[in-house]
Amino acid sequence: MMTRKYPLLTKEEQEELRRMRKEANISIPKIAEYMHTYPSKIQQLERGETGVDPNFVEKVKKRYQLLIKYKNI
């Protein structure tokens, strides 16, 4: 049996990432470009289809927070 290196996101975490992305008004391809990854990775995160390094999730959230903060200025 294969074990995951990183845990899957909970439904709440998936929804939080999706909500933050939409609030930041950024597309999946654009956030993937900013994070130096593939759009499919962002999609898989939001759907809970793949395990992910918690540090990566925090970096994505911080990017969303910055985008949200500065769009309101």
Foldseek 3Di string as FASTA:
>chain_A
DDDAPAAFDDLVLLVVLVVLCVLLVHDLCVLCVVLVHHSVVNVCNSVRNHGDDVVSSVVSNVVSVVSNVVVVD
